[in-house]
N, C-alpha and C. Protein backbone atom coordinates (compact mmCIF):
# COMPACT_ATOMS: atom_id res chain seq x y z
N MET A 1 135.77 -61.52 -115.97
CA MET A 1 136.69 -60.50 -115.52
C MET A 1 138.12 -61.00 -115.76
N GLN A 2 138.92 -60.17 -116.37
CA GLN A 2 140.32 -60.52 -116.62
C GLN A 2 141.15 -60.14 -115.40
N LEU A 3 141.96 -61.09 -114.95
CA LEU A 3 142.82 -60.85 -113.79
C LEU A 3 144.24 -60.56 -114.24
N THR A 4 144.88 -59.66 -113.51
CA THR A 4 146.27 -59.31 -113.76
C THR A 4 147.12 -59.86 -112.62
N THR A 5 148.09 -60.69 -112.94
CA THR A 5 149.01 -61.22 -111.93
C THR A 5 149.94 -60.10 -111.48
N VAL A 6 150.17 -60.02 -110.17
CA VAL A 6 151.03 -58.96 -109.62
C VAL A 6 152.13 -59.58 -108.77
N GLU A 7 153.19 -58.81 -108.58
CA GLU A 7 154.26 -59.24 -107.68
C GLU A 7 153.96 -58.67 -106.31
N SER A 8 153.67 -59.56 -105.36
CA SER A 8 153.31 -59.14 -104.01
C SER A 8 153.42 -60.33 -103.07
N SER A 9 153.79 -60.06 -101.84
CA SER A 9 153.83 -61.13 -100.84
C SER A 9 152.44 -61.45 -100.31
N MET A 10 151.45 -60.60 -100.63
CA MET A 10 150.10 -60.76 -100.12
C MET A 10 149.08 -61.13 -101.20
N ILE A 11 149.27 -60.60 -102.40
CA ILE A 11 148.27 -60.71 -103.47
C ILE A 11 148.86 -61.44 -104.67
N HIS A 12 148.08 -62.37 -105.22
CA HIS A 12 148.50 -63.08 -106.43
C HIS A 12 148.04 -62.35 -107.69
N ALA A 13 146.77 -61.89 -107.70
CA ALA A 13 146.21 -61.26 -108.89
C ALA A 13 145.05 -60.36 -108.51
N ALA A 14 144.70 -59.45 -109.43
CA ALA A 14 143.56 -58.57 -109.22
C ALA A 14 142.91 -58.27 -110.56
N GLY A 15 141.61 -58.02 -110.51
CA GLY A 15 140.86 -57.68 -111.72
C GLY A 15 139.77 -56.70 -111.38
N TYR A 16 139.22 -56.06 -112.41
CA TYR A 16 138.19 -55.05 -112.19
C TYR A 16 137.08 -55.20 -113.20
N ASP A 17 135.84 -55.12 -112.72
CA ASP A 17 134.65 -55.14 -113.56
C ASP A 17 134.08 -53.73 -113.55
N ALA A 18 134.30 -52.98 -114.63
CA ALA A 18 133.87 -51.58 -114.69
C ALA A 18 132.36 -51.44 -114.64
N GLU A 19 131.65 -52.36 -115.29
CA GLU A 19 130.19 -52.28 -115.32
C GLU A 19 129.60 -52.49 -113.92
N GLY A 20 130.12 -53.48 -113.21
CA GLY A 20 129.62 -53.77 -111.87
C GLY A 20 130.35 -53.03 -110.76
N ARG A 21 131.43 -52.31 -111.12
CA ARG A 21 132.26 -51.57 -110.17
C ARG A 21 132.77 -52.49 -109.05
N GLU A 22 133.25 -53.68 -109.46
CA GLU A 22 133.76 -54.65 -108.49
C GLU A 22 135.25 -54.91 -108.72
N LEU A 23 135.97 -54.94 -107.63
CA LEU A 23 137.39 -55.27 -107.63
C LEU A 23 137.51 -56.69 -107.09
N GLU A 24 138.13 -57.57 -107.85
CA GLU A 24 138.36 -58.94 -107.39
C GLU A 24 139.84 -59.10 -107.08
N VAL A 25 140.11 -59.66 -105.91
CA VAL A 25 141.49 -59.84 -105.47
C VAL A 25 141.70 -61.30 -105.10
N VAL A 26 142.73 -61.91 -105.68
CA VAL A 26 143.12 -63.28 -105.36
C VAL A 26 144.36 -63.17 -104.47
N PHE A 27 144.21 -63.59 -103.23
CA PHE A 27 145.31 -63.53 -102.29
C PHE A 27 146.20 -64.75 -102.44
N ASN A 28 147.44 -64.63 -102.02
CA ASN A 28 148.38 -65.75 -102.12
C ASN A 28 147.92 -66.96 -101.31
N SER A 29 147.05 -66.74 -100.34
CA SER A 29 146.50 -67.83 -99.53
C SER A 29 145.50 -68.68 -100.31
N GLY A 30 145.08 -68.19 -101.49
CA GLY A 30 144.07 -68.88 -102.28
C GLY A 30 142.68 -68.31 -102.11
N LYS A 31 142.49 -67.44 -101.12
CA LYS A 31 141.19 -66.81 -100.90
C LYS A 31 140.96 -65.75 -101.97
N VAL A 32 139.70 -65.65 -102.40
CA VAL A 32 139.32 -64.66 -103.41
C VAL A 32 138.21 -63.80 -102.84
N TYR A 33 138.39 -62.49 -102.94
CA TYR A 33 137.41 -61.54 -102.43
C TYR A 33 136.97 -60.61 -103.55
N ARG A 34 135.70 -60.22 -103.50
CA ARG A 34 135.16 -59.20 -104.40
C ARG A 34 134.71 -58.02 -103.56
N TYR A 35 135.25 -56.86 -103.89
CA TYR A 35 134.93 -55.61 -103.21
C TYR A 35 133.98 -54.82 -104.10
N ARG A 36 132.87 -54.31 -103.52
CA ARG A 36 131.83 -53.62 -104.27
C ARG A 36 131.99 -52.11 -104.22
N ASP A 37 131.41 -51.45 -105.23
CA ASP A 37 131.35 -49.98 -105.31
C ASP A 37 132.73 -49.34 -105.35
N VAL A 38 133.65 -49.98 -106.05
CA VAL A 38 135.03 -49.51 -106.14
C VAL A 38 135.22 -48.76 -107.46
N ASP A 39 135.79 -47.56 -107.38
CA ASP A 39 136.09 -46.80 -108.59
C ASP A 39 137.28 -47.43 -109.32
N GLU A 40 137.30 -47.28 -110.62
CA GLU A 40 138.36 -47.89 -111.43
C GLU A 40 139.73 -47.35 -111.06
N ASP A 41 139.81 -46.09 -110.63
CA ASP A 41 141.12 -45.54 -110.28
C ASP A 41 141.73 -46.25 -109.08
N VAL A 42 140.91 -46.82 -108.20
CA VAL A 42 141.44 -47.59 -107.07
C VAL A 42 142.14 -48.84 -107.59
N PHE A 43 141.54 -49.50 -108.57
CA PHE A 43 142.16 -50.68 -109.19
C PHE A 43 143.48 -50.30 -109.85
N GLU A 44 143.47 -49.21 -110.61
CA GLU A 44 144.69 -48.77 -111.29
C GLU A 44 145.79 -48.40 -110.30
N GLU A 45 145.40 -47.72 -109.21
CA GLU A 45 146.38 -47.35 -108.18
C GLU A 45 146.94 -48.60 -107.49
N LEU A 46 146.09 -49.61 -107.29
CA LEU A 46 146.56 -50.86 -106.71
C LEU A 46 147.63 -51.50 -107.59
N LEU A 47 147.36 -51.56 -108.89
CA LEU A 47 148.33 -52.16 -109.80
C LEU A 47 149.64 -51.37 -109.84
N ASP A 48 149.55 -50.05 -109.67
CA ASP A 48 150.74 -49.19 -109.73
C ASP A 48 151.47 -49.08 -108.39
N ALA A 49 150.84 -49.52 -107.31
CA ALA A 49 151.43 -49.34 -105.98
C ALA A 49 152.72 -50.13 -105.83
N GLU A 50 153.68 -49.52 -105.17
CA GLU A 50 154.95 -50.21 -104.90
C GLU A 50 154.70 -51.42 -104.00
N SER A 51 153.84 -51.24 -102.99
CA SER A 51 153.45 -52.34 -102.11
C SER A 51 151.95 -52.56 -102.25
N LYS A 52 151.58 -53.63 -102.93
CA LYS A 52 150.16 -53.94 -103.14
C LYS A 52 149.45 -54.22 -101.82
N GLY A 53 150.12 -54.94 -100.92
CA GLY A 53 149.53 -55.26 -99.62
C GLY A 53 149.25 -54.01 -98.80
N ARG A 54 150.19 -53.10 -98.76
CA ARG A 54 149.99 -51.85 -98.01
C ARG A 54 148.87 -51.02 -98.62
N TYR A 55 148.81 -51.00 -99.95
CA TYR A 55 147.74 -50.25 -100.61
C TYR A 55 146.39 -50.86 -100.25
N MET A 56 146.28 -52.19 -100.31
CA MET A 56 145.03 -52.87 -99.95
C MET A 56 144.61 -52.52 -98.53
N GLN A 57 145.55 -52.59 -97.60
CA GLN A 57 145.23 -52.33 -96.21
C GLN A 57 144.83 -50.88 -95.97
N ALA A 58 145.42 -49.95 -96.69
CA ALA A 58 145.14 -48.53 -96.47
C ALA A 58 143.91 -48.04 -97.24
N HIS A 59 143.62 -48.64 -98.40
CA HIS A 59 142.60 -48.05 -99.28
C HIS A 59 141.44 -48.97 -99.66
N VAL A 60 141.51 -50.25 -99.33
CA VAL A 60 140.45 -51.17 -99.76
C VAL A 60 139.86 -51.95 -98.59
N ILE A 61 140.70 -52.68 -97.86
CA ILE A 61 140.22 -53.51 -96.75
C ILE A 61 139.65 -52.61 -95.66
N GLY A 62 138.42 -52.89 -95.28
CA GLY A 62 137.75 -52.08 -94.26
C GLY A 62 137.10 -50.83 -94.81
N VAL A 63 137.30 -50.57 -96.11
CA VAL A 63 136.72 -49.37 -96.74
C VAL A 63 135.51 -49.74 -97.59
N TYR A 64 135.62 -50.83 -98.35
CA TYR A 64 134.57 -51.24 -99.27
C TYR A 64 133.89 -52.52 -98.79
N PRO A 65 132.57 -52.63 -99.03
CA PRO A 65 131.90 -53.89 -98.69
C PRO A 65 132.45 -55.00 -99.59
N TYR A 66 132.49 -56.21 -99.06
CA TYR A 66 133.09 -57.32 -99.81
C TYR A 66 132.36 -58.62 -99.53
N ARG A 67 132.68 -59.59 -100.36
CA ARG A 67 132.24 -60.97 -100.11
C ARG A 67 133.37 -61.89 -100.55
N ARG A 68 133.53 -62.95 -99.81
CA ARG A 68 134.54 -63.94 -100.17
C ARG A 68 133.90 -64.90 -101.16
N THR A 69 134.57 -65.12 -102.28
CA THR A 69 134.00 -65.98 -103.31
C THR A 69 134.68 -67.34 -103.40
N LYS A 70 135.87 -67.47 -102.78
CA LYS A 70 136.59 -68.74 -102.82
C LYS A 70 137.60 -68.78 -101.69
N GLY A 71 137.83 -69.99 -101.18
CA GLY A 71 138.88 -70.19 -100.19
C GLY A 71 138.46 -70.08 -98.77
């Protein structure tokens, strides 16, 4: 999965696996999470969001099942 570095006080990078419908997020803390069953438009909206952290809190965290993969 290719990760895109973003400017955010909360998130370092994000990537999307279209085949597996997984969103991977690398937080500035070093923790890495994979969110399952995520539509690609959610990933695109995250990258386009003015505040990546606010978008994550409103549209991803607590909405999609996840697993921590690192950190």
